[in-house]
């Protein structure tokens, strides 16, 4: 998806940069956040997506995409750094 306010290097795979003029505050809004991919987006079907939870847990589980979406949502702020 082309975002005209980002600097587009390529669309397939998506490689769009946040111009420096948008980096004036500590947090960058989602719509201004850079997109950097090395491959095209895969075709996604929620019926084929499962998340296994195992290891040192009391009750191993296998969650479907629908079960994950039904879980409570929690938002937090974090740092994401892209290094070359």
Protein backbone atom coordinates (compact mmCIF):
# COMPACT_ATOMS: atom_id res chain seq x y z
CA UNK A 1 0.00 0.00 0.00
CA UNK A 2 1.46 3.33 -1.01
CA UNK A 3 1.56 5.93 1.74
CA UNK A 4 2.37 9.26 0.05
CA UNK A 5 3.60 10.88 3.29
CA UNK A 6 6.36 8.22 3.58
CA UNK A 7 9.44 8.01 1.36
CA UNK A 8 8.76 5.01 -0.89
CA UNK A 9 11.81 2.96 -1.89
CA UNK A 10 9.74 0.03 -3.23
CA UNK A 11 6.21 -1.35 -2.92
CA UNK A 12 6.99 -5.04 -3.59
CA UNK A 13 8.37 -5.83 -1.11
CA UNK A 14 7.16 -2.85 0.88
CA UNK A 15 9.97 -0.48 1.86
CA UNK A 16 8.79 2.96 2.96
CA UNK A 17 10.70 5.30 5.24
CA UNK A 18 9.53 7.92 7.71
CA UNK A 19 10.86 11.34 6.60
CA UNK A 20 12.95 13.05 9.28
CA UNK A 21 10.46 15.95 9.51
CA UNK A 22 7.97 13.55 11.16
CA UNK A 23 10.42 12.52 13.89
CA UNK A 24 9.93 15.57 16.12
CA UNK A 25 8.42 13.79 19.13
CA UNK A 26 9.30 10.72 21.20
CA UNK A 27 6.48 8.63 19.71
CA UNK A 28 5.72 8.16 16.01
CA UNK A 29 2.01 7.64 15.14
CA UNK A 30 1.19 4.32 13.45
CA UNK A 31 0.37 5.91 10.09
CA UNK A 32 3.84 7.55 9.99
CA UNK A 33 5.78 4.47 11.11
CA UNK A 34 8.24 3.02 8.61
CA UNK A 35 7.49 -0.21 6.70
CA UNK A 36 10.46 -2.43 5.92
CA UNK A 37 9.97 -5.90 4.44
CA UNK A 38 12.34 -8.23 2.64
CA UNK A 39 9.55 -10.32 1.12
CA UNK A 40 5.98 -9.78 -0.09
CA UNK A 41 3.15 -10.22 2.39
CA UNK A 42 1.96 -13.84 2.58
CA UNK A 43 -1.61 -14.83 1.84
CA UNK A 44 -3.33 -15.17 5.20
CA UNK A 45 -6.28 -17.35 6.14
CA UNK A 46 -7.34 -17.23 9.79
CA UNK A 47 -8.58 -20.82 9.61
CA UNK A 48 -5.00 -22.02 9.07
CA UNK A 49 -3.37 -19.94 11.83
CA UNK A 50 -2.61 -21.67 15.15
CA UNK A 51 -0.34 -20.59 18.00
CA UNK A 52 1.19 -23.37 20.13
CA UNK A 53 2.00 -22.41 23.73
CA UNK A 54 4.38 -24.87 25.35
CA UNK A 55 7.64 -25.19 27.21
CA UNK A 56 7.69 -24.51 30.94
CA UNK A 57 3.97 -23.81 31.29
CA UNK A 58 1.45 -25.63 33.46
CA UNK A 59 -1.04 -26.21 30.66
CA UNK A 60 0.26 -26.33 27.06
CA UNK A 61 -2.32 -24.97 24.62
CA UNK A 62 -2.99 -24.61 20.93
CA UNK A 63 -4.88 -21.38 20.21
CA UNK A 64 -6.74 -20.57 17.00
CA UNK A 65 -6.72 -17.10 15.46
CA UNK A 66 -10.32 -16.62 16.61
CA UNK A 67 -9.39 -17.55 20.20
CA UNK A 68 -6.48 -15.10 20.16
CA UNK A 69 -8.74 -12.30 18.87
CA UNK A 70 -11.21 -13.00 21.69
CA UNK A 71 -8.55 -12.39 24.38
CA UNK A 72 -8.42 -9.05 26.24
CA UNK A 73 -6.32 -6.35 24.58
CA UNK A 74 -3.54 -4.47 26.35
CA UNK A 75 -1.61 -1.59 24.77
CA UNK A 76 1.88 -0.57 25.78
CA UNK A 77 4.56 1.72 24.47
CA UNK A 78 7.87 0.27 23.41
CA UNK A 79 11.02 1.01 21.48
CA UNK A 80 11.68 -0.53 18.08
CA UNK A 81 15.12 0.04 16.63
CA UNK A 82 16.16 -0.80 13.10
CA UNK A 83 19.91 -1.14 12.66
CA UNK A 84 21.89 -1.70 9.51
